[in-house]
Every structure is written in C-alpha cells, then in structure tokens.
Amino acid sequence: MGQLSGKVALVTGAGQGLGEAIAALFAAEGATVVLSDLTTQRCESGVEAIRKQGGKAVAYGLDVTSETQWNDTIALIEKEYGRLDVLVNNAGMSFSASIEDTSFENWKLMQAVNLDSVFLGCKAGISLMKRTGGSIVNLSSVWGLVGQGEMTAYNASKAGVWLLTKSVAIHCGAKRYNIRVNSIHPGFIETPMLWNFLDNSGDPEGMRKAAVDLHPIGNLGTPDDIAQGALYLASDASKFVTGTELVIDGGYTAW
C-alpha cells in the first residue's frame, strides 16, 4: 500500500518542474492526482507518464489567480471524486528586480500569481476538504524567509505564503477540521524556472556556480527532493505537523 493510497490530490502548476515531480510521486504512492496548469495541454505529458506507470491522473485547466476557476475546479473534483484529501499550491512565477526597478504592475502580477493564488486555493480547497480532513502544502521559498535585494516582489510574495500558511493552519485547527497546513521552502532547485532565471542573467554559467556556492551541501537540489518533502507533509506520517515550514535548501539558510 502506498503512503497516499485512496487519497485524491490536486497539484497546481503541475505542467513542469516541482509540480510535475510532486504529482508523479503522489501517483506512485497511490493517490488519484489532478494535475492543473493554465491549460490541460501543459499537463498532458505528466498525466501520460503517470498512467504508463499504472497510476491515476487527470489534467485540469486552472488559472490560479481566478476565484471563479478555483471554485469551478473544486466543484468538478467534488462531482468526480466526492472528496479532496491533499492540495498542493505550487503554481508560481519569478523575476529579478530591485524595489526601484519593479513597476507596480509587475508587483501586482507577482502577488497575484504567488500569493493571491494560495489564498484562493486554500479557501476553495477547505470548502471541500473539511468534510473528510486532509493536508494543504503551500510552496514558499528560502527567499520567503530571507531577503535578497534584487528579488523585492518575489521576497514579499513568498514571505506572505509563509505566514498565510500559519494563519490558515491555526484557523483549521480551531475549527477542528482535521486539515493540516504547512509550507515548503526550497533552495535553488534544477527546474525550468531556475534555468530561465539563470539564462536571463547574462552570465548563466557564472550565475549557476554562484547559486551552487550559496548551498553548503555543494550542489543544487532536484525536483524529487521537494516532492519527497511534499509527500511527507501530505501523508499520515506527518499527522502531528501543522503550521510549520519545511526548509529543503541544502543549508542555504544555515549560513
């Protein structure tokens, strides 16, 4: 029996990177996984890979900044499966800019994609999840714990996810919903988002070396490193864990 056998899980931003890895591991551990991204097409390869391994997966289109689409997605899950046991709010974006170089429009976009989406996801997810209990896992970042001068909007959005997570955990506990809510804070992980960030730096190789040097362990992380953490928080192995942050950063924040 897998650690998530019989559970229904929704993973946002599952078209690539961390979301795709989390969805694949959840399916391997027995969950029925709903992979969501802006379009179903973005999740097709992930769904196909899961099904080839004998897992259960479907793709949903979901703009995580839309309250209407969140409500529609939860309604579809309720109609199809009757329950939601795990929600992973993974969808996000990143760009580099100091406060002087960040336009208000870009600031609002970052907050919408990285923070508003988690608020909407938690609110919509709880409406169904509170019937049976479950686990919400929110993806923050090490840059939600420490600042970086060229990541103003990103820092703020991910720090917001960190404390929003604690607030929601306290609320769910007080209501005795049996819903645990925790955040994950990755260091630099080898994903398309990181490659895009490095490619746009003007010195990809130099920036990659600098990124590695930020981590005492001596290397960057992989999507599976984060997926394993998400599995722990989603499973009954963490049944006494809520309102906390799981830092998976190769020692980045230990300096």
C-alpha atoms as a PDB file:
ATOM      1  CA  MET A   1       0.000   0.000   0.000  1.00  0.00           C
ATOM      2  CA  GLY A   2       1.301   3.453  -0.917  1.00  0.00           C
ATOM      3  CA  GLN A   3       1.518   6.299   1.546  1.00  0.00           C
ATOM      4  CA  LEU A   4      -1.336   8.100  -0.250  1.00  0.00           C
ATOM      5  CA  SER A   5      -3.428   5.104  -1.219  1.00  0.00           C
ATOM      6  CA  GLY A   6      -7.074   6.024  -1.718  1.00  0.00           C
ATOM      7  CA  LYS A   7      -6.465   9.768  -1.470  1.00  0.00           C
ATOM      8  CA  VAL A   8      -7.376  12.441  -4.020  1.00  0.00           C
ATOM      9  CA  ALA A   9      -4.762  15.157  -4.568  1.00  0.00           C
ATOM     10  CA  LEU A  10      -4.763  18.413  -6.529  1.00  0.00           C
ATOM     11  CA  VAL A  11      -1.409  19.870  -7.582  1.00  0.00           C
ATOM     12  CA  THR A  12      -1.241  23.305  -9.204  1.00  0.00           C
ATOM     13  CA  GLY A  13       1.473  24.349 -11.622  1.00  0.00           C
ATOM     14  CA  ALA A  14       1.896  20.669 -12.459  1.00  0.00           C
ATOM     15  CA  GLY A  15       2.874  21.154 -16.090  1.00  0.00           C
ATOM     16  CA  GLN A  16       6.592  21.093 -15.316  1.00  0.00           C
ATOM     17  CA  GLY A  17       9.237  21.290 -12.624  1.00  0.00           C
ATOM     18  CA  LEU A  18       8.271  20.834  -8.995  1.00  0.00           C
ATOM     19  CA  GLY A  19       4.559  20.391  -9.662  1.00  0.00           C
ATOM     20  CA  GLU A  20       5.108  17.636 -12.187  1.00  0.00           C
ATOM     21  CA  ALA A  21       7.538  15.825  -9.869  1.00  0.00           C
ATOM     22  CA  ILE A  22       5.167  16.098  -6.906  1.00  0.00           C
ATOM     23  CA  ALA A  23       2.248  14.784  -8.963  1.00  0.00           C
ATOM     24  CA  ALA A  24       4.296  11.831 -10.222  1.00  0.00           C
ATOM     25  CA  LEU A  25       5.418  10.828  -6.732  1.00  0.00           C
ATOM     26  CA  PHE A  26       1.917  11.190  -5.293  1.00  0.00           C
ATOM     27  CA  ALA A  27       0.545   8.939  -8.023  1.00  0.00           C
ATOM     28  CA  ALA A  28       3.299   6.387  -7.411  1.00  0.00           C
ATOM     29  CA  GLU A  29       2.247   6.381  -3.748  1.00  0.00           C
ATOM     30  CA  GLY A  30      -1.341   5.527  -4.643  1.00  0.00           C
ATOM     31  CA  ALA A  31      -3.109   8.879  -4.943  1.00  0.00           C
ATOM     32  CA  THR A  32      -5.506   9.857  -7.687  1.00  0.00           C
ATOM     33  CA  VAL A  33      -3.867  13.075  -8.855  1.00  0.00           C
ATOM     34  CA  VAL A  34      -5.425  16.084 -10.550  1.00  0.00           C
ATOM     35  CA  LEU A  35      -2.642  17.920 -12.369  1.00  0.00           C
ATOM     36  CA  SER A  36      -3.568  21.521 -13.076  1.00  0.00           C
ATOM     37  CA  ASP A  37      -1.977  24.342 -15.015  1.00  0.00           C
ATOM     38  CA  LEU A  38      -3.140  27.243 -17.155  1.00  0.00           C
ATOM     39  CA  THR A  39      -4.166  24.731 -19.824  1.00  0.00           C
ATOM     40  CA  THR A  40      -4.737  20.988 -19.764  1.00  0.00           C
ATOM     41  CA  GLN A  41      -2.200  20.665 -22.588  1.00  0.00           C
ATOM     42  CA  ARG A  42       0.596  21.690 -20.257  1.00  0.00           C
ATOM     43  CA  CYS A  43      -0.129  18.654 -18.080  1.00  0.00           C
ATOM     44  CA  GLU A  44      -0.632  16.050 -20.804  1.00  0.00           C
ATOM     45  CA  SER A  45       2.895  14.649 -20.690  1.00  0.00           C
ATOM     46  CA  GLY A  46       2.762  14.345 -16.900  1.00  0.00           C
ATOM     47  CA  VAL A  47      -0.603  12.599 -16.993  1.00  0.00           C
ATOM     48  CA  GLU A  48       0.597  10.231 -19.709  1.00  0.00           C
ATOM     49  CA  ALA A  49       3.747   9.336 -17.758  1.00  0.00           C
ATOM     50  CA  ILE A  50       1.727   8.601 -14.626  1.00  0.00           C
ATOM     51  CA  ARG A  51      -0.751   6.421 -16.495  1.00  0.00           C
ATOM     52  CA  LYS A  52       2.073   4.468 -18.155  1.00  0.00           C
ATOM     53  CA  GLN A  53       3.283   3.589 -14.670  1.00  0.00           C
ATOM     54  CA  GLY A  54      -0.184   2.375 -13.709  1.00  0.00           C
ATOM     55  CA  GLY A  55      -1.147   5.482 -11.768  1.00  0.00           C
ATOM     56  CA  LYS A  56      -4.330   7.518 -11.824  1.00  0.00           C
ATOM     57  CA  ALA A  57      -4.189  11.081 -13.114  1.00  0.00           C
ATOM     58  CA  VAL A  58      -6.237  13.686 -14.953  1.00  0.00           C
ATOM     59  CA  ALA A  59      -5.464  17.183 -16.215  1.00  0.00           C
ATOM     60  CA  TYR A  60      -7.495  20.296 -15.419  1.00  0.00           C
ATOM     61  CA  GLY A  61      -7.022  23.790 -16.774  1.00  0.00           C
ATOM     62  CA  LEU A  62      -6.821  26.274 -13.900  1.00  0.00           C
ATOM     63  CA  ASP A  63      -5.813  29.914 -13.761  1.00  0.00           C
ATOM     64  CA  VAL A  64      -4.847  30.074 -10.089  1.00  0.00           C
ATOM     65  CA  THR A  65      -5.448  33.836  -9.959  1.00  0.00           C
ATOM     66  CA  SER A  66      -9.160  33.368 -10.766  1.00  0.00           C
ATOM     67  CA  GLU A  67     -11.575  32.782  -7.884  1.00  0.00           C
ATOM     68  CA  THR A  68     -14.220  31.573 -10.329  1.00  0.00           C
ATOM     69  CA  GLN A  69     -11.905  28.966 -11.816  1.00  0.00           C
ATOM     70  CA  TRP A  70     -10.857  27.782  -8.372  1.00  0.00           C
ATOM     71  CA  ASN A  71     -14.472  27.310  -7.346  1.00  0.00           C
ATOM     72  CA  ASP A  72     -15.248  25.529 -10.613  1.00  0.00           C
ATOM     73  CA  THR A  73     -12.253  23.206 -10.177  1.00  0.00           C
ATOM     74  CA  ILE A  74     -13.233  22.231  -6.651  1.00  0.00           C
ATOM     75  CA  ALA A  75     -16.807  21.648  -7.841  1.00  0.00           C
ATOM     76  CA  LEU A  76     -15.518  19.332 -10.578  1.00  0.00           C
ATOM     77  CA  ILE A  77     -13.402  17.392  -8.095  1.00  0.00           C
ATOM     78  CA  GLU A  78     -16.390  17.056  -5.774  1.00  0.00           C
ATOM     79  CA  LYS A  79     -18.570  15.808  -8.617  1.00  0.00           C
ATOM     80  CA  GLU A  80     -15.983  13.346  -9.914  1.00  0.00           C
ATOM     81  CA  TYR A  81     -14.440  12.060  -6.680  1.00  0.00           C
ATOM     82  CA  GLY A  82     -16.577  13.322  -3.811  1.00  0.00           C
ATOM     83  CA  ARG A  83     -13.572  14.383  -1.766  1.00  0.00           C
ATOM     84  CA  LEU A  84     -10.243  16.209  -1.708  1.00  0.00           C
ATOM     85  CA  ASP A  85      -7.544  14.926   0.630  1.00  0.00           C
ATOM     86  CA  VAL A  86      -4.433  16.814  -0.475  1.00  0.00           C
ATOM     87  CA  LEU A  87      -3.944  20.238  -2.032  1.00  0.00           C
ATOM     88  CA  VAL A  88      -0.514  21.408  -3.168  1.00  0.00           C
ATOM     89  CA  ASN A  89      -0.401  25.114  -4.020  1.00  0.00           C
ATOM     90  CA  ASN A  90       2.693  25.029  -6.183  1.00  0.00           C
ATOM     91  CA  ALA A  91       1.992  27.377  -9.107  1.00  0.00           C
ATOM     92  CA  GLY A  92       4.242  30.426  -9.122  1.00  0.00           C
ATOM     93  CA  MET A  93       6.464  32.777 -11.054  1.00  0.00           C
ATOM     94  CA  SER A  94       9.707  34.664 -10.572  1.00  0.00           C
ATOM     95  CA  PHE A  95      11.583  37.665 -11.910  1.00  0.00           C
ATOM     96  CA  SER A  96      14.542  39.625 -10.650  1.00  0.00           C
ATOM     97  CA  ALA A  97      14.247  43.341  -9.865  1.00  0.00           C
ATOM     98  CA  SER A  98      15.029  45.705  -7.012  1.00  0.00           C
ATOM     99  CA  ILE A  99      12.343  47.906  -5.500  1.00  0.00           C
ATOM    100  CA  GLU A 100      13.479  50.803  -7.700  1.00  0.00           C
ATOM    101  CA  ASP A 101      13.211  48.689 -10.834  1.00  0.00           C
ATOM    102  CA  THR A 102       9.916  46.951 -10.036  1.00  0.00           C
ATOM    103  CA  SER A 103       6.872  48.507 -11.661  1.00  0.00           C
ATOM    104  CA  PHE A 104       3.625  48.499  -9.724  1.00  0.00           C
ATOM    105  CA  GLU A 105       2.042  46.361 -12.444  1.00  0.00           C
ATOM    106  CA  ASN A 106       4.768  43.727 -12.094  1.00  0.00           C
ATOM    107  CA  TRP A 107       4.491  43.893  -8.308  1.00  0.00           C
ATOM    108  CA  LYS A 108       0.760  43.176  -8.508  1.00  0.00           C
ATOM    109  CA  LEU A 109       1.308  40.360 -11.003  1.00  0.00           C
ATOM    110  CA  MET A 110       3.806  38.650  -8.696  1.00  0.00           C
ATOM    111  CA  GLN A 111       1.493  38.906  -5.706  1.00  0.00           C
ATOM    112  CA  ALA A 112      -1.433  37.602  -7.761  1.00  0.00           C
ATOM    113  CA  VAL A 113       0.387  34.536  -9.067  1.00  0.00           C
ATOM    114  CA  ASN A 114       2.422  33.659  -5.970  1.00  0.00           C
ATOM    115  CA  LEU A 115       0.290  34.809  -3.042  1.00  0.00           C
ATOM    116  CA  ASP A 116      -3.303  35.524  -4.090  1.00  0.00           C
ATOM    117  CA  SER A 117      -3.407  32.087  -5.710  1.00  0.00           C
ATOM    118  CA  VAL A 118      -2.531  30.401  -2.420  1.00  0.00           C
ATOM    119  CA  PHE A 119      -5.214  32.378  -0.599  1.00  0.00           C
ATOM    120  CA  LEU A 120      -7.782  31.385  -3.236  1.00  0.00           C
ATOM    121  CA  GLY A 121      -6.608  27.776  -3.271  1.00  0.00           C
ATOM    122  CA  CYS A 122      -6.746  27.382   0.494  1.00  0.00           C
ATOM    123  CA  LYS A 123     -10.177  28.995   0.696  1.00  0.00           C
ATOM    124  CA  ALA A 124     -11.660  26.892  -2.103  1.00  0.00           C
ATOM    125  CA  GLY A 125      -9.921  23.706  -1.028  1.00  0.00           C
ATOM    126  CA  ILE A 126     -11.053  23.938   2.584  1.00  0.00           C
ATOM    127  CA  SER A 127     -14.694  24.126   1.489  1.00  0.00           C
ATOM    128  CA  LEU A 128     -14.488  20.510   0.287  1.00  0.00           C
ATOM    129  CA  MET A 129     -11.581  19.177   2.330  1.00  0.00           C
ATOM    130  CA  LYS A 130     -13.155  19.982   5.699  1.00  0.00           C
ATOM    131  CA  ARG A 131     -15.676  17.191   5.180  1.00  0.00           C
ATOM    132  CA  THR A 132     -13.026  14.497   5.438  1.00  0.00           C
ATOM    133  CA  GLY A 133      -9.879  16.280   6.652  1.00  0.00           C
ATOM    134  CA  GLY A 134      -6.609  16.391   4.776  1.00  0.00           C
ATOM    135  CA  SER A 135      -3.402  18.262   4.114  1.00  0.00           C
ATOM    136  CA  ILE A 136      -2.590  21.525   2.357  1.00  0.00           C
ATOM    137  CA  VAL A 137       1.002  22.079   1.245  1.00  0.00           C
ATOM    138  CA  ASN A 138       1.981  25.576   0.125  1.00  0.00           C
ATOM    139  CA  LEU A 139       5.180  26.179  -1.828  1.00  0.00           C
ATOM    140  CA  SER A 140       7.090  29.168  -0.499  1.00  0.00           C
ATOM    141  CA  SER A 141      10.866  29.632  -0.865  1.00  0.00           C
ATOM    142  CA  VAL A 142      14.030  30.275   1.103  1.00  0.00           C
ATOM    143  CA  TRP A 143      13.526  33.788  -0.254  1.00  0.00           C
ATOM    144  CA  GLY A 144      10.321  33.873   1.751  1.00  0.00           C
ATOM    145  CA  LEU A 145      12.497  33.563   4.866  1.00  0.00           C
ATOM    146  CA  VAL A 146      15.463  35.782   3.979  1.00  0.00           C
ATOM    147  CA  GLY A 147      15.715  38.864   1.789  1.00  0.00           C
ATOM    148  CA  GLN A 148      17.569  39.457  -1.467  1.00  0.00           C
ATOM    149  CA  GLY A 149      17.962  42.959  -2.829  1.00  0.00           C
ATOM    150  CA  GLU A 150      17.090  42.100  -6.416  1.00  0.00           C
ATOM    151  CA  MET A 151      14.023  39.998  -5.605  1.00  0.00           C
ATOM    152  CA  THR A 152      11.738  42.529  -3.937  1.00  0.00           C
ATOM    153  CA  ALA A 153       8.354  41.360  -5.237  1.00  0.00           C
ATOM    154  CA  TYR A 154       9.292  37.683  -5.046  1.00  0.00           C
ATOM    155  CA  ASN A 155      10.527  38.024  -1.446  1.00  0.00           C
ATOM    156  CA  ALA A 156       7.290  39.686  -0.411  1.00  0.00           C
ATOM    157  CA  SER A 157       5.045  37.162  -2.153  1.00  0.00           C
ATOM    158  CA  LYS A 158       6.795  34.127  -0.732  1.00  0.00           C
ATOM    159  CA  ALA A 159       7.013  35.604   2.763  1.00  0.00           C
ATOM    160  CA  GLY A 160       3.276  36.151   2.502  1.00  0.00           C
ATOM    161  CA  VAL A 161       2.781  32.465   1.675  1.00  0.00           C
ATOM    162  CA  TRP A 162       4.793  31.552   4.774  1.00  0.00           C
ATOM    163  CA  LEU A 163       2.616  33.475   7.241  1.00  0.00           C
ATOM    164  CA  LEU A 164      -0.634  32.853   5.365  1.00  0.00           C
ATOM    165  CA  THR A 165       0.090  29.158   5.855  1.00  0.00           C
ATOM    166  CA  LYS A 166       0.363  29.591   9.607  1.00  0.00           C
ATOM    167  CA  SER A 167      -2.842  31.620   9.786  1.00  0.00           C
ATOM    168  CA  VAL A 168      -4.796  29.015   7.825  1.00  0.00           C
ATOM    169  CA  ALA A 169      -3.348  26.216   9.948  1.00  0.00           C
ATOM    170  CA  ILE A 170      -4.474  27.924  13.139  1.00  0.00           C
ATOM    171  CA  HIS A 171      -7.946  28.535  11.701  1.00  0.00           C
ATOM    172  CA  CYS A 172      -8.393  24.931  10.573  1.00  0.00           C
ATOM    173  CA  GLY A 173      -7.154  23.667  13.924  1.00  0.00           C
ATOM    174  CA  ALA A 174      -9.523  25.910  15.869  1.00  0.00           C
ATOM    175  CA  LYS A 175     -12.426  24.711  13.722  1.00  0.00           C
ATOM    176  CA  ARG A 176     -11.348  21.086  14.236  1.00  0.00           C
ATOM    177  CA  TYR A 177     -11.450  20.487  10.501  1.00  0.00           C
ATOM    178  CA  ASN A 178      -8.597  17.961  10.741  1.00  0.00           C
ATOM    179  CA  ILE A 179      -6.840  19.856   7.955  1.00  0.00           C
ATOM    180  CA  ARG A 180      -3.097  20.316   8.360  1.00  0.00           C
ATOM    181  CA  VAL A 181      -1.476  23.255   6.564  1.00  0.00           C
ATOM    182  CA  ASN A 182       2.281  23.590   6.073  1.00  0.00           C
ATOM    183  CA  SER A 183       4.743  25.342   3.779  1.00  0.00           C
ATOM    184  CA  ILE A 184       7.822  24.117   1.931  1.00  0.00           C
ATOM    185  CA  HIS A 185      10.784  26.428   1.380  1.00  0.00           C
ATOM    186  CA  PRO A 186      13.067  25.154  -1.386  1.00  0.00           C
ATOM    187  CA  GLY A 187      16.542  26.419  -2.054  1.00  0.00           C
ATOM    188  CA  PHE A 188      17.756  26.551  -5.656  1.00  0.00           C
ATOM    189  CA  ILE A 189      16.218  23.583  -7.486  1.00  0.00           C
ATOM    190  CA  GLU A 190      17.035  22.427 -11.012  1.00  0.00           C
ATOM    191  CA  THR A 191      13.783  23.391 -12.722  1.00  0.00           C
ATOM    192  CA  PRO A 192      12.805  25.287 -15.897  1.00  0.00           C
ATOM    193  CA  MET A 193      12.054  28.327 -13.710  1.00  0.00           C
ATOM    194  CA  LEU A 194      15.642  28.334 -12.424  1.00  0.00           C
ATOM    195  CA  TRP A 195      17.110  27.826 -15.894  1.00  0.00           C
ATOM    196  CA  ASN A 196      15.051  30.730 -17.220  1.00  0.00           C
ATOM    197  CA  PHE A 197      16.226  32.905 -14.314  1.00  0.00           C
ATOM    198  CA  LEU A 198      19.874  32.000 -14.962  1.00  0.00           C
ATOM    199  CA  ASP A 199      19.581  32.392 -18.745  1.00  0.00           C
ATOM    200  CA  ASN A 200      18.240  35.906 -18.322  1.00  0.00           C
ATOM    201  CA  SER A 201      21.108  36.886 -16.051  1.00  0.00           C
ATOM    202  CA  GLY A 202      23.545  37.467 -18.908  1.00  0.00           C
ATOM    203  CA  ASP A 203      26.065  35.019 -17.393  1.00  0.00           C
ATOM    204  CA  PRO A 204      24.311  31.645 -16.971  1.00  0.00           C
ATOM    205  CA  GLU A 205      27.426  29.621 -16.122  1.00  0.00           C
ATOM    206  CA  GLY A 206      28.727  32.179 -13.684  1.00  0.00           C
ATOM    207  CA  MET A 207      25.339  32.518 -12.057  1.00  0.00           C
ATOM    208  CA  ARG A 208      24.963  28.735 -11.793  1.00  0.00           C
ATOM    209  CA  LYS A 209      28.291  28.483  -9.961  1.00  0.00           C
ATOM    210  CA  ALA A 210      27.256  31.329  -7.687  1.00  0.00           C
ATOM    211  CA  ALA A 211      23.964  29.560  -6.976  1.00  0.00           C
ATOM    212  CA  VAL A 212      25.721  26.313  -6.093  1.00  0.00           C
ATOM    213  CA  ASP A 213      28.090  28.203  -3.795  1.00  0.00           C
ATOM    214  CA  LEU A 214      25.120  29.516  -1.805  1.00  0.00           C
ATOM    215  CA  HIS A 215      24.381  25.978  -0.623  1.00  0.00           C
ATOM    216  CA  PRO A 216      26.801  24.445   1.925  1.00  0.00           C
ATOM    217  CA  ILE A 217      25.909  20.961   0.707  1.00  0.00           C
ATOM    218  CA  GLY A 218      27.760  21.794  -2.541  1.00  0.00           C
ATOM    219  CA  ASN A 219      25.093  21.241  -5.175  1.00  0.00           C
ATOM    220  CA  LEU A 220      21.639  22.343  -6.283  1.00  0.00           C
ATOM    221  CA  GLY A 221      18.512  20.406  -5.403  1.00  0.00           C
ATOM    222  CA  THR A 222      16.348  18.309  -7.704  1.00  0.00           C
ATOM    223  CA  PRO A 223      12.553  18.352  -8.077  1.00  0.00           C
ATOM    224  CA  ASP A 224      12.387  14.971  -6.351  1.00  0.00           C
ATOM    225  CA  ASP A 225      13.974  16.473  -3.225  1.00  0.00           C
ATOM    226  CA  ILE A 226      10.975  18.757  -2.929  1.00  0.00           C
ATOM    227  CA  ALA A 227       8.499  16.069  -3.955  1.00  0.00           C
ATOM    228  CA  GLN A 228       9.700  13.863  -1.100  1.00  0.00           C
ATOM    229  CA  GLY A 229       9.073  16.687   1.349  1.00  0.00           C
ATOM    230  CA  ALA A 230       5.612  17.257  -0.081  1.00  0.00           C
ATOM    231  CA  LEU A 231       4.878  13.535   0.247  1.00  0.00           C
ATOM    232  CA  TYR A 232       5.811  13.608   3.919  1.00  0.00           C
ATOM    233  CA  LEU A 233       3.524  16.578   4.589  1.00  0.00           C
ATOM    234  CA  ALA A 234       0.691  15.072   2.538  1.00  0.00           C
ATOM    235  CA  SER A 235       0.842  11.665   4.195  1.00  0.00           C
ATOM    236  CA  ASP A 236      -0.200  10.426   7.617  1.00  0.00           C
ATOM    237  CA  ALA A 237       3.484  10.294   8.559  1.00  0.00           C
ATOM    238  CA  SER A 238       3.106  13.997   9.421  1.00  0.00           C
ATOM    239  CA  LYS A 239      -0.238  13.700  11.236  1.00  0.00           C
ATOM    240  CA  PHE A 240       1.016  15.905  14.127  1.00  0.00           C
ATOM    241  CA  VAL A 241       2.606  18.527  11.878  1.00  0.00           C
ATOM    242  CA  THR A 242       0.755  21.731  11.051  1.00  0.00           C
ATOM    243  CA  GLY A 243       1.514  25.429  10.822  1.00  0.00           C
ATOM    244  CA  THR A 244       5.195  24.864  10.246  1.00  0.00           C
ATOM    245  CA  GLU A 245       7.760  25.320   7.478  1.00  0.00           C
ATOM    246  CA  LEU A 246       9.822  22.548   5.927  1.00  0.00           C
ATOM    247  CA  VAL A 247      13.055  24.083   4.648  1.00  0.00           C
ATOM    248  CA  ILE A 248      14.702  21.976   1.925  1.00  0.00           C
ATOM    249  CA  ASP A 249      17.631  24.128   0.891  1.00  0.00           C
ATOM    250  CA  GLY A 250      20.955  22.293   1.113  1.00  0.00           C
ATOM    251  CA  GLY A 251      21.896  24.531   4.034  1.00  0.00           C
ATOM    252  CA  TYR A 252      21.241  27.845   2.253  1.00  0.00           C
ATOM    253  CA  THR A 253      19.624  29.423   5.321  1.00  0.00           C
ATOM    254  CA  ALA A 254      22.176  27.911   7.726  1.00  0.00           C
ATOM    255  CA  TRP A 255      24.930  30.391   6.825  1.00  0.00           C
END
